[in-house]
Structure formats: C-alpha cells, structure tokens
PDB file of N, CA and C in Angstrom:
ATOM      1  N   UNK A   1      10.995 -19.808 -30.301  1.00  0.00           N
ATOM      2  CA  UNK A   1       9.880 -20.217 -29.483  1.00  0.00           C
ATOM      3  C   UNK A   1      10.240 -20.125 -27.994  1.00  0.00           C
ATOM      4  N   UNK A   2      11.436 -20.530 -27.623  1.00  0.00           N
ATOM      5  CA  UNK A   2      11.857 -20.451 -26.224  1.00  0.00           C
ATOM      6  C   UNK A   2      11.877 -19.014 -25.727  1.00  0.00           C
ATOM      7  N   UNK A   3      12.314 -18.111 -26.584  1.00  0.00           N
ATOM      8  CA  UNK A   3      12.359 -16.705 -26.196  1.00  0.00           C
ATOM      9  C   UNK A   3      10.950 -16.181 -25.919  1.00  0.00           C
ATOM     10  N   UNK A   4       9.992 -16.595 -26.719  1.00  0.00           N
ATOM     11  CA  UNK A   4       8.613 -16.158 -26.523  1.00  0.00           C
ATOM     12  C   UNK A   4       8.070 -16.692 -25.201  1.00  0.00           C
ATOM     13  N   UNK A   5       8.330 -17.954 -24.915  1.00  0.00           N
ATOM     14  CA  UNK A   5       7.873 -18.557 -23.659  1.00  0.00           C
ATOM     15  C   UNK A   5       8.509 -17.828 -22.464  1.00  0.00           C
ATOM     16  N   UNK A   6       9.785 -17.509 -22.574  1.00  0.00           N
ATOM     17  CA  UNK A   6      10.469 -16.793 -21.504  1.00  0.00           C
ATOM     18  C   UNK A   6       9.869 -15.401 -21.309  1.00  0.00           C
ATOM     19  N   UNK A   7       9.544 -14.726 -22.406  1.00  0.00           N
ATOM     20  CA  UNK A   7       8.950 -13.402 -22.335  1.00  0.00           C
ATOM     21  C   UNK A   7       7.583 -13.455 -21.651  1.00  0.00           C
ATOM     22  N   UNK A   8       6.789 -14.451 -21.988  1.00  0.00           N
ATOM     23  CA  UNK A   8       5.475 -14.607 -21.367  1.00  0.00           C
ATOM     24  C   UNK A   8       5.636 -14.884 -19.869  1.00  0.00           C
ATOM     25  N   UNK A   9       6.582 -15.712 -19.509  1.00  0.00           N
ATOM     26  CA  UNK A   9       6.808 -16.035 -18.093  1.00  0.00           C
ATOM     27  C   UNK A   9       7.235 -14.803 -17.309  1.00  0.00           C
ATOM     28  N   UNK A  10       8.134 -14.013 -17.857  1.00  0.00           N
ATOM     29  CA  UNK A  10       8.598 -12.797 -17.193  1.00  0.00           C
ATOM     30  C   UNK A  10       7.451 -11.804 -17.066  1.00  0.00           C
ATOM     31  N   UNK A  11       6.645 -11.673 -18.097  1.00  0.00           N
ATOM     32  CA  UNK A  11       5.502 -10.760 -18.054  1.00  0.00           C
ATOM     33  C   UNK A  11       4.518 -11.180 -16.974  1.00  0.00           C
ATOM     34  N   UNK A  12       4.264 -12.465 -16.861  1.00  0.00           N
ATOM     35  CA  UNK A  12       3.338 -12.965 -15.845  1.00  0.00           C
ATOM     36  C   UNK A  12       3.864 -12.673 -14.440  1.00  0.00           C
ATOM     37  N   UNK A  13       5.156 -12.851 -14.235  1.00  0.00           N
ATOM     38  CA  UNK A  13       5.751 -12.568 -12.923  1.00  0.00           C
ATOM     39  C   UNK A  13       5.674 -11.087 -12.607  1.00  0.00           C
ATOM     40  N   UNK A  14       5.899 -10.244 -13.598  1.00  0.00           N
ATOM     41  CA  UNK A  14       5.838  -8.804 -13.397  1.00  0.00           C
ATOM     42  C   UNK A  14       4.433  -8.379 -13.018  1.00  0.00           C
ATOM     43  N   UNK A  15       3.436  -8.907 -13.716  1.00  0.00           N
ATOM     44  CA  UNK A  15       2.057  -8.572 -13.403  1.00  0.00           C
ATOM     45  C   UNK A  15       1.665  -9.072 -12.029  1.00  0.00           C
ATOM     46  N   UNK A  16       2.166 -10.218 -11.632  1.00  0.00           N
ATOM     47  CA  UNK A  16       1.832 -10.781 -10.329  1.00  0.00           C
ATOM     48  C   UNK A  16       2.386  -9.930  -9.195  1.00  0.00           C
ATOM     49  N   UNK A  17       3.495  -9.242  -9.433  1.00  0.00           N
ATOM     50  CA  UNK A  17       4.101  -8.430  -8.381  1.00  0.00           C
ATOM     51  C   UNK A  17       3.672  -6.970  -8.458  1.00  0.00           C
ATOM     52  N   UNK A  18       2.760  -6.646  -9.379  1.00  0.00           N
ATOM     53  CA  UNK A  18       2.301  -5.270  -9.521  1.00  0.00           C
ATOM     54  C   UNK A  18       1.529  -4.846  -8.278  1.00  0.00           C
ATOM     55  N   UNK A  19       1.607  -3.576  -7.994  1.00  0.00           N
ATOM     56  CA  UNK A  19       0.926  -3.035  -6.820  1.00  0.00           C
ATOM     57  C   UNK A  19      -0.587  -3.042  -7.025  1.00  0.00           C
ATOM     58  N   UNK A  20      -1.311  -3.142  -5.929  1.00  0.00           N
ATOM     59  CA  UNK A  20      -2.761  -3.066  -5.926  1.00  0.00           C
ATOM     60  C   UNK A  20      -3.152  -1.790  -5.200  1.00  0.00           C
ATOM     61  N   UNK A  21      -3.705  -0.831  -5.933  1.00  0.00           N
ATOM     62  CA  UNK A  21      -4.105   0.452  -5.370  1.00  0.00           C
ATOM     63  C   UNK A  21      -5.457   0.317  -4.699  1.00  0.00           C
ATOM     64  N   UNK A  22      -5.503   0.569  -3.391  1.00  0.00           N
ATOM     65  CA  UNK A  22      -6.717   0.380  -2.604  1.00  0.00           C
ATOM     66  C   UNK A  22      -7.874   1.256  -3.088  1.00  0.00           C
ATOM     67  N   UNK A  23      -7.573   2.419  -3.658  1.00  0.00           N
ATOM     68  CA  UNK A  23      -8.631   3.333  -4.086  1.00  0.00           C
ATOM     69  C   UNK A  23      -9.281   2.959  -5.408  1.00  0.00           C
ATOM     70  N   UNK A  24      -8.674   2.070  -6.169  1.00  0.00           N
ATOM     71  CA  UNK A  24      -9.237   1.693  -7.465  1.00  0.00           C
ATOM     72  C   UNK A  24      -9.444   0.191  -7.612  1.00  0.00           C
ATOM     73  N   UNK A  25      -8.998  -0.580  -6.650  1.00  0.00           N
ATOM     74  CA  UNK A  25      -9.057  -2.039  -6.741  1.00  0.00           C
ATOM     75  C   UNK A  25     -10.492  -2.551  -6.668  1.00  0.00           C
ATOM     76  N   UNK A  26     -10.753  -3.584  -7.451  1.00  0.00           N
ATOM     77  CA  UNK A  26     -12.036  -4.279  -7.377  1.00  0.00           C
ATOM     78  C   UNK A  26     -11.977  -5.269  -6.222  1.00  0.00           C
ATOM     79  N   UNK A  27     -13.110  -5.880  -5.927  1.00  0.00           N
ATOM     80  CA  UNK A  27     -13.134  -6.890  -4.877  1.00  0.00           C
ATOM     81  C   UNK A  27     -12.192  -8.034  -5.236  1.00  0.00           C
ATOM     82  N   UNK A  28     -12.141  -8.410  -6.508  1.00  0.00           N
ATOM     83  CA  UNK A  28     -11.240  -9.484  -6.937  1.00  0.00           C
ATOM     84  C   UNK A  28      -9.779  -9.078  -6.767  1.00  0.00           C
ATOM     85  N   UNK A  29      -9.460  -7.815  -7.083  1.00  0.00           N
ATOM     86  CA  UNK A  29      -8.085  -7.320  -6.900  1.00  0.00           C
ATOM     87  C   UNK A  29      -7.689  -7.377  -5.424  1.00  0.00           C
ATOM     88  N   UNK A  30      -8.587  -6.904  -4.564  1.00  0.00           N
ATOM     89  CA  UNK A  30      -8.292  -6.904  -3.129  1.00  0.00           C
ATOM     90  C   UNK A  30      -8.147  -8.323  -2.601  1.00  0.00           C
ATOM     91  N   UNK A  31      -9.043  -9.211  -3.013  1.00  0.00           N
ATOM     92  CA  UNK A  31      -8.964 -10.605  -2.565  1.00  0.00           C
ATOM     93  C   UNK A  31      -7.689 -11.288  -3.062  1.00  0.00           C
ATOM     94  N   UNK A  32      -7.093 -10.750  -4.118  1.00  0.00           N
ATOM     95  CA  UNK A  32      -5.854 -11.306  -4.645  1.00  0.00           C
ATOM     96  C   UNK A  32      -4.625 -10.941  -3.831  1.00  0.00           C
ATOM     97  N   UNK A  33      -4.767  -9.988  -2.927  1.00  0.00           N
ATOM     98  CA  UNK A  33      -3.649  -9.594  -2.060  1.00  0.00           C
ATOM     99  C   UNK A  33      -3.626 -10.557  -0.877  1.00  0.00           C
ATOM    100  N   UNK A  34      -2.491 -11.215  -0.690  1.00  0.00           N
ATOM    101  CA  UNK A  34      -2.357 -12.155   0.427  1.00  0.00           C
ATOM    102  C   UNK A  34      -2.616 -11.423   1.733  1.00  0.00           C
ATOM    103  N   UNK A  35      -3.548 -11.950   2.510  1.00  0.00           N
ATOM    104  CA  UNK A  35      -3.898 -11.335   3.784  1.00  0.00           C
ATOM    105  C   UNK A  35      -5.223 -10.602   3.749  1.00  0.00           C
ATOM    106  N   UNK A  36      -5.770 -10.388   2.539  1.00  0.00           N
ATOM    107  CA  UNK A  36      -7.094  -9.772   2.424  1.00  0.00           C
ATOM    108  C   UNK A  36      -8.062 -10.845   1.968  1.00  0.00           C
ATOM    109  N   UNK A  37      -9.041 -11.096   2.802  1.00  0.00           N
ATOM    110  CA  UNK A  37     -10.081 -12.062   2.461  1.00  0.00           C
ATOM    111  C   UNK A  37     -11.373 -11.337   2.156  1.00  0.00           C
ATOM    112  N   UNK A  38     -12.429 -12.087   1.931  1.00  0.00           N
ATOM    113  CA  UNK A  38     -13.715 -11.482   1.572  1.00  0.00           C
ATOM    114  C   UNK A  38     -14.249 -10.484   2.605  1.00  0.00           C
ATOM    115  N   UNK A  39     -14.083 -10.765   3.883  1.00  0.00           N
ATOM    116  CA  UNK A  39     -14.606  -9.859   4.915  1.00  0.00           C
ATOM    117  C   UNK A  39     -13.858  -8.524   4.911  1.00  0.00           C
ATOM    118  N   UNK A  40     -12.536  -8.571   4.849  1.00  0.00           N
ATOM    119  CA  UNK A  40     -11.755  -7.333   4.853  1.00  0.00           C
ATOM    120  C   UNK A  40     -11.971  -6.552   3.563  1.00  0.00           C
ATOM    121  N   UNK A  41     -12.014  -7.232   2.423  1.00  0.00           N
ATOM    122  CA  UNK A  41     -12.240  -6.508   1.170  1.00  0.00           C
ATOM    123  C   UNK A  41     -13.604  -5.829   1.191  1.00  0.00           C
ATOM    124  N   UNK A  42     -14.617  -6.478   1.772  1.00  0.00           N
ATOM    125  CA  UNK A  42     -15.948  -5.872   1.869  1.00  0.00           C
ATOM    126  C   UNK A  42     -15.899  -4.617   2.748  1.00  0.00           C
ATOM    127  N   UNK A  43     -15.160  -4.673   3.869  1.00  0.00           N
ATOM    128  CA  UNK A  43     -15.043  -3.504   4.750  1.00  0.00           C
ATOM    129  C   UNK A  43     -14.296  -2.364   4.056  1.00  0.00           C
ATOM    130  N   UNK A  44     -13.273  -2.706   3.282  1.00  0.00           N
ATOM    131  CA  UNK A  44     -12.522  -1.680   2.546  1.00  0.00           C
ATOM    132  C   UNK A  44     -13.426  -1.003   1.525  1.00  0.00           C
ATOM    133  N   UNK A  45     -14.148  -1.796   0.742  1.00  0.00           N
ATOM    134  CA  UNK A  45     -15.022  -1.228  -0.279  1.00  0.00           C
ATOM    135  C   UNK A  45     -16.148  -0.400   0.347  1.00  0.00           C
ATOM    136  N   UNK A  46     -16.683  -0.833   1.470  1.00  0.00           N
ATOM    137  CA  UNK A  46     -17.738  -0.092   2.164  1.00  0.00           C
ATOM    138  C   UNK A  46     -17.199   1.261   2.629  1.00  0.00           C
ATOM    139  N   UNK A  47     -16.021   1.273   3.220  1.00  0.00           N
ATOM    140  CA  UNK A  47     -15.420   2.527   3.686  1.00  0.00           C
ATOM    141  C   UNK A  47     -15.071   3.438   2.509  1.00  0.00           C
ATOM    142  N   UNK A  48     -14.691   2.856   1.392  1.00  0.00           N
ATOM    143  CA  UNK A  48     -14.314   3.636   0.214  1.00  0.00           C
ATOM    144  C   UNK A  48     -15.514   4.344  -0.409  1.00  0.00           C
ATOM    145  N   UNK A  49     -16.731   3.878  -0.116  1.00  0.00           N
ATOM    146  CA  UNK A  49     -17.937   4.516  -0.640  1.00  0.00           C
ATOM    147  C   UNK A  49     -18.055   5.966  -0.186  1.00  0.00           C
ATOM    148  N   UNK A  50     -17.498   6.300   0.952  1.00  0.00           N
ATOM    149  CA  UNK A  50     -17.569   7.668   1.469  1.00  0.00           C
ATOM    150  C   UNK A  50     -16.469   8.555   0.900  1.00  0.00           C
ATOM    151  N   UNK A  51     -15.555   7.988   0.150  1.00  0.00           N
ATOM    152  CA  UNK A  51     -14.476   8.760  -0.462  1.00  0.00           C
ATOM    153  C   UNK A  51     -13.188   7.973  -0.491  1.00  0.00           C
ATOM    154  N   UNK A  52     -12.285   8.408  -1.352  1.00  0.00           N
ATOM    155  CA  UNK A  52     -10.985   7.749  -1.479  1.00  0.00           C
ATOM    156  C   UNK A  52     -10.199   7.871  -0.190  1.00  0.00           C
ATOM    157  N   UNK A  53      -9.354   6.899   0.039  1.00  0.00           N
ATOM    158  CA  UNK A  53      -8.459   6.948   1.190  1.00  0.00           C
ATOM    159  C   UNK A  53      -7.321   7.905   0.852  1.00  0.00           C
ATOM    160  N   UNK A  54      -7.052   8.830   1.747  1.00  0.00           N
ATOM    161  CA  UNK A  54      -6.022   9.838   1.512  1.00  0.00           C
ATOM    162  C   UNK A  54      -4.634   9.375   1.919  1.00  0.00           C
ATOM    163  N   UNK A  55      -4.580   8.437   2.857  1.00  0.00           N
ATOM    164  CA  UNK A  55      -3.298   7.970   3.389  1.00  0.00           C
ATOM    165  C   UNK A  55      -3.512   6.615   4.038  1.00  0.00           C
ATOM    166  N   UNK A  56      -2.416   5.995   4.437  1.00  0.00           N
ATOM    167  CA  UNK A  56      -2.520   4.734   5.173  1.00  0.00           C
ATOM    168  C   UNK A  56      -3.246   4.957   6.493  1.00  0.00           C
ATOM    169  N   UNK A  57      -2.969   6.069   7.155  1.00  0.00           N
ATOM    170  CA  UNK A  57      -3.631   6.360   8.424  1.00  0.00           C
ATOM    171  C   UNK A  57      -5.141   6.496   8.217  1.00  0.00           C
ATOM    172  N   UNK A  58      -5.530   7.108   7.117  1.00  0.00           N
ATOM    173  CA  UNK A  58      -6.943   7.231   6.788  1.00  0.00           C
ATOM    174  C   UNK A  58      -7.550   5.845   6.559  1.00  0.00           C
ATOM    175  N   UNK A  59      -6.829   4.973   5.872  1.00  0.00           N
ATOM    176  CA  UNK A  59      -7.314   3.613   5.612  1.00  0.00           C
ATOM    177  C   UNK A  59      -7.530   2.864   6.916  1.00  0.00           C
ATOM    178  N   UNK A  60      -6.517   2.803   7.778  1.00  0.00           N
ATOM    179  CA  UNK A  60      -6.721   2.003   8.990  1.00  0.00           C
ATOM    180  C   UNK A  60      -7.536   2.743  10.037  1.00  0.00           C
ATOM    181  N   UNK A  61      -7.786   4.021   9.832  1.00  0.00           N
ATOM    182  CA  UNK A  61      -8.708   4.736  10.705  1.00  0.00           C
ATOM    183  C   UNK A  61     -10.169   4.491  10.349  1.00  0.00           C
ATOM    184  N   UNK A  62     -10.426   4.190   9.079  1.00  0.00           N
ATOM    185  CA  UNK A  62     -11.802   3.999   8.613  1.00  0.00           C
ATOM    186  C   UNK A  62     -12.209   2.549   8.426  1.00  0.00           C
ATOM    187  N   UNK A  63     -11.260   1.632   8.403  1.00  0.00           N
ATOM    188  CA  UNK A  63     -11.567   0.216   8.160  1.00  0.00           C
ATOM    189  C   UNK A  63     -11.294  -0.568   9.440  1.00  0.00           C
ATOM    190  N   UNK A  64     -12.358  -1.106  10.016  1.00  0.00           N
ATOM    191  CA  UNK A  64     -12.236  -1.894  11.242  1.00  0.00           C
ATOM    192  C   UNK A  64     -11.343  -3.110  10.982  1.00  0.00           C
ATOM    193  N   UNK A  65     -10.458  -3.370  11.921  1.00  0.00           N
ATOM    194  CA  UNK A  65      -9.556  -4.513  11.804  1.00  0.00           C
ATOM    195  C   UNK A  65      -8.239  -4.184  11.131  1.00  0.00           C
ATOM    196  N   UNK A  66      -8.082  -2.950  10.677  1.00  0.00           N
ATOM    197  CA  UNK A  66      -6.821  -2.522  10.065  1.00  0.00           C
ATOM    198  C   UNK A  66      -6.049  -1.712  11.092  1.00  0.00           C
ATOM    199  N   UNK A  67      -4.767  -1.954  11.163  1.00  0.00           N
ATOM    200  CA  UNK A  67      -3.887  -1.199  12.045  1.00  0.00           C
ATOM    201  C   UNK A  67      -2.522  -1.110  11.403  1.00  0.00           C
ATOM    202  N   UNK A  68      -1.575  -0.581  12.120  1.00  0.00           N
ATOM    203  CA  UNK A  68      -0.226  -0.414  11.566  1.00  0.00           C
ATOM    204  C   UNK A  68       0.404  -1.752  11.209  1.00  0.00           C
ATOM    205  N   UNK A  69       0.207  -2.763  12.026  1.00  0.00           N
ATOM    206  CA  UNK A  69       0.812  -4.070  11.741  1.00  0.00           C
ATOM    207  C   UNK A  69       0.217  -4.678  10.479  1.00  0.00           C
ATOM    208  N   UNK A  70      -1.100  -4.629  10.351  1.00  0.00           N
ATOM    209  CA  UNK A  70      -1.720  -5.199   9.151  1.00  0.00           C
ATOM    210  C   UNK A  70      -1.403  -4.339   7.931  1.00  0.00           C
ATOM    211  N   UNK A  71      -1.306  -3.028   8.109  1.00  0.00           N
ATOM    212  CA  UNK A  71      -0.945  -2.149   7.000  1.00  0.00           C
ATOM    213  C   UNK A  71       0.452  -2.489   6.486  1.00  0.00           C
ATOM    214  N   UNK A  72       1.378  -2.696   7.383  1.00  0.00           N
ATOM    215  CA  UNK A  72       2.742  -3.048   6.976  1.00  0.00           C
ATOM    216  C   UNK A  72       2.765  -4.384   6.246  1.00  0.00           C
ATOM    217  N   UNK A  73       2.020  -5.345   6.754  1.00  0.00           N
ATOM    218  CA  UNK A  73       1.969  -6.680   6.140  1.00  0.00           C
ATOM    219  C   UNK A  73       1.325  -6.615   4.752  1.00  0.00           C
ATOM    220  N   UNK A  74       0.206  -5.898   4.622  1.00  0.00           N
ATOM    221  CA  UNK A  74      -0.477  -5.795   3.333  1.00  0.00           C
ATOM    222  C   UNK A  74       0.330  -4.979   2.335  1.00  0.00           C
ATOM    223  N   UNK A  75       1.021  -3.964   2.819  1.00  0.00           N
ATOM    224  CA  UNK A  75       1.891  -3.178   1.949  1.00  0.00           C
ATOM    225  C   UNK A  75       3.008  -4.043   1.378  1.00  0.00           C
ATOM    226  N   UNK A  76       3.559  -4.915   2.207  1.00  0.00           N
ATOM    227  CA  UNK A  76       4.609  -5.829   1.743  1.00  0.00           C
ATOM    228  C   UNK A  76       4.078  -6.784   0.676  1.00  0.00           C
ATOM    229  N   UNK A  77       2.766  -7.027   0.699  1.00  0.00           N
ATOM    230  CA  UNK A  77       2.143  -7.897  -0.303  1.00  0.00           C
ATOM    231  C   UNK A  77       1.722  -7.120  -1.552  1.00  0.00           C
ATOM    232  N   UNK A  78       1.958  -5.801  -1.572  1.00  0.00           N
ATOM    233  CA  UNK A  78       1.704  -5.013  -2.773  1.00  0.00           C
ATOM    234  C   UNK A  78       0.571  -4.006  -2.684  1.00  0.00           C
ATOM    235  N   UNK A  79      -0.098  -3.882  -1.550  1.00  0.00           N
ATOM    236  CA  UNK A  79      -1.188  -2.914  -1.418  1.00  0.00           C
ATOM    237  C   UNK A  79      -0.605  -1.514  -1.269  1.00  0.00           C
ATOM    238  N   UNK A  80      -1.195  -0.553  -1.975  1.00  0.00           N
ATOM    239  CA  UNK A  80      -0.766   0.845  -1.875  1.00  0.00           C
ATOM    240  C   UNK A  80      -1.972   1.743  -1.609  1.00  0.00           C
ATOM    241  N   UNK A  81      -1.710   2.908  -1.053  1.00  0.00           N
ATOM    242  CA  UNK A  81      -2.710   3.951  -0.868  1.00  0.00           C
ATOM    243  C   UNK A  81      -2.181   5.180  -1.583  1.00  0.00           C
ATOM    244  N   UNK A  82      -2.903   5.624  -2.602  1.00  0.00           N
ATOM    245  CA  UNK A  82      -2.448   6.745  -3.441  1.00  0.00           C
ATOM    246  C   UNK A  82      -1.043   6.489  -3.988  1.00  0.00           C
ATOM    247  N   UNK A  83      -0.761   5.249  -4.325  1.00  0.00           N
ATOM    248  CA  UNK A  83       0.522   4.880  -4.912  1.00  0.00           C
ATOM    249  C   UNK A  83       1.651   4.709  -3.921  1.00  0.00           C
ATOM    250  N   UNK A  84       1.380   4.904  -2.639  1.00  0.00           N
ATOM    251  CA  UNK A  84       2.440   4.828  -1.627  1.00  0.00           C
ATOM    252  C   UNK A  84       2.356   3.533  -0.833  1.00  0.00           C
ATOM    253  N   UNK A  85       3.502   2.955  -0.601  1.00  0.00           N
ATOM    254  CA  UNK A  85       3.593   1.806   0.296  1.00  0.00           C
ATOM    255  C   UNK A  85       3.520   2.319   1.729  1.00  0.00           C
ATOM    256  N   UNK A  86       3.152   1.449   2.655  1.00  0.00           N
ATOM    257  CA  UNK A  86       3.090   1.855   4.065  1.00  0.00           C
ATOM    258  C   UNK A  86       4.482   2.248   4.528  1.00  0.00           C
ATOM    259  N   UNK A  87       4.568   3.381   5.183  1.00  0.00           N
ATOM    260  CA  UNK A  87       5.857   3.871   5.667  1.00  0.00           C
ATOM    261  C   UNK A  87       6.468   4.911   4.756  1.00  0.00           C
ATOM    262  N   UNK A  88       5.969   5.008   3.509  1.00  0.00           N
ATOM    263  CA  UNK A  88       6.444   6.059   2.615  1.00  0.00           C
ATOM    264  C   UNK A  88       5.791   7.361   3.050  1.00  0.00           C
ATOM    265  N   UNK A  89       6.590   8.300   3.502  1.00  0.00           N
ATOM    266  CA  UNK A  89       6.050   9.589   3.929  1.00  0.00           C
ATOM    267  C   UNK A  89       6.330  10.625   2.860  1.00  0.00           C
ATOM    268  N   UNK A  90       5.389  11.528   2.625  1.00  0.00           N
ATOM    269  CA  UNK A  90       5.672  12.607   1.678  1.00  0.00           C
ATOM    270  C   UNK A  90       6.847  13.442   2.176  1.00  0.00           C
ATOM    271  N   UNK A  91       7.621  13.973   1.264  1.00  0.00           N
ATOM    272  CA  UNK A  91       8.809  14.754   1.635  1.00  0.00           C
ATOM    273  C   UNK A  91       8.436  15.942   2.517  1.00  0.00           C
ATOM    274  N   UNK A  92       7.260  16.539   2.284  1.00  0.00           N
ATOM    275  CA  UNK A  92       6.868  17.700   3.076  1.00  0.00           C
ATOM    276  C   UNK A  92       6.528  17.325   4.517  1.00  0.00           C
ATOM    277  N   UNK A  93       6.332  16.041   4.789  1.00  0.00           N
ATOM    278  CA  UNK A  93       5.980  15.612   6.137  1.00  0.00           C
ATOM    279  C   UNK A  93       7.197  15.183   6.949  1.00  0.00           C
ATOM    280  N   UNK A  94       8.384  15.423   6.428  1.00  0.00           N
ATOM    281  CA  UNK A  94       9.593  15.025   7.145  1.00  0.00           C
ATOM    282  C   UNK A  94       9.689  15.805   8.449  1.00  0.00           C
ATOM    283  N   UNK A  95      10.046  15.137   9.527  1.00  0.00           N
ATOM    284  CA  UNK A  95      10.151  15.830  10.818  1.00  0.00           C
ATOM    285  C   UNK A  95      11.219  16.912  10.786  1.00  0.00           C
ATOM    286  N   UNK A  96      10.944  18.008  11.442  1.00  0.00           N
ATOM    287  CA  UNK A  96      11.892  19.111  11.495  1.00  0.00           C
ATOM    288  C   UNK A  96      13.144  18.739  12.278  1.00  0.00           C
ATOM    289  N   UNK A  97      13.036  17.777  13.169  1.00  0.00           N
ATOM    290  CA  UNK A  97      14.183  17.385  13.987  1.00  0.00           C
ATOM    291  C   UNK A  97      15.340  16.908  13.119  1.00  0.00           C
ATOM    292  N   UNK A  98      15.043  16.378  11.965  1.00  0.00           N
ATOM    293  CA  UNK A  98      16.095  15.894  11.069  1.00  0.00           C
ATOM    294  C   UNK A  98      16.895  17.051  10.483  1.00  0.00           C
ATOM    295  N   UNK A  99      16.330  18.241  10.463  1.00  0.00           N
ATOM    296  CA  UNK A  99      17.009  19.368   9.862  1.00  0.00           C
ATOM    297  C   UNK A  99      17.970  20.061  10.838  1.00  0.00           C
ATOM    298  N   UNK A 100      17.883  19.733  12.130  1.00  0.00           N
ATOM    299  CA  UNK A 100      18.763  20.367  13.112  1.00  0.00           C
ATOM    300  C   UNK A 100      20.182  19.826  12.993  1.00  0.00           C
ATOM    301  N   UNK A 101      21.178  20.661  13.293  1.00  0.00           N
ATOM    302  CA  UNK A 101      22.553  20.182  13.269  1.00  0.00           C
ATOM    303  C   UNK A 101      22.776  19.122  14.358  1.00  0.00           C
ATOM    304  N   UNK A 102      23.699  18.250  14.124  1.00  0.00           N
ATOM    305  CA  UNK A 102      24.026  17.211  15.100  1.00  0.00           C
ATOM    306  C   UNK A 102      24.573  17.849  16.359  1.00  0.00           C
ATOM    307  N   UNK A 103      24.387  17.175  17.492  1.00  0.00           N
ATOM    308  CA  UNK A 103      24.885  17.736  18.754  1.00  0.00           C
ATOM    309  C   UNK A 103      26.394  17.878  18.674  1.00  0.00           C
ATOM    310  N   UNK A 104      26.868  18.940  19.218  1.00  0.00           N
ATOM    311  CA  UNK A 104      28.304  19.197  19.203  1.00  0.00           C
ATOM    312  C   UNK A 104      28.755  20.011  18.006  1.00  0.00           C
ATOM    313  N   UNK A 105      27.859  20.213  17.051  1.00  0.00           N
ATOM    314  CA  UNK A 105      28.218  21.010  15.877  1.00  0.00           C
ATOM    315  C   UNK A 105      28.157  22.472  16.252  1.00  0.00           C
ATOM    316  N   UNK A 106      28.985  23.295  15.665  1.00  0.00           N
ATOM    317  CA  UNK A 106      28.980  24.711  15.968  1.00  0.00           C
ATOM    318  C   UNK A 106      27.751  25.365  15.382  1.00  0.00           C
ATOM    319  N   UNK A 107      27.297  26.404  16.083  1.00  0.00           N
ATOM    320  CA  UNK A 107      26.070  27.092  15.636  1.00  0.00           C
ATOM    321  C   UNK A 107      26.366  28.448  15.179  1.00  0.00           C
TER     322      UNK A 107
END
C-alpha cells in the first residue's frame, strides 16, 4: 500500500511540473501557469486565433504585455512555444561568430 501511495505522489509531482504548450493549452491550462492570470490568458488565446505561435518572439510580438522578461519568467514556470523553452534556439539559428577560430589561432 505504501508503494502505491508513493507512486501516486510521484506521478502527481511529475504532472505538476509538465510543460504547458502555449499553442494547445486551454484557458485553464494557461491560468495554471504561475504568472498567467485571466487577462493574459485571454490575450494569448485571442492572438492564437490568427494562427499558432511560431516562436517566443512571435508570442511576445503578438501578445500585449509580453516581453523577454515575462517570457523568461513564464518559461521557468513551464510555458513552452512549439515545445521550446525561452532561450532555446534552433541549431540552425546559431550565430556564425561561434564558428570562427579563436583570436590568435593560425589560419
């Protein structure tokens, strides 16, 4: 019996920490993210009516009151855009400057 109770507790904790995808979340899902209240969830859902959010930049570009600071805070609370946390950049978007040799290296 104790093992079953422990399993249920672990499952509940896992579900509580699951990510909330902004493109598929219901109003209740969005309101469940700390930092999103009824007004912000309504603005997100209204903006989503015109199409899915393609990126975090798209989200805070289309939703009034969203910016990089709020995106970082909401991402830390589990909000994702297309499965990505804020700050996760696609590999193809890596800056070319990172590919250059370090200064002083022979060319």
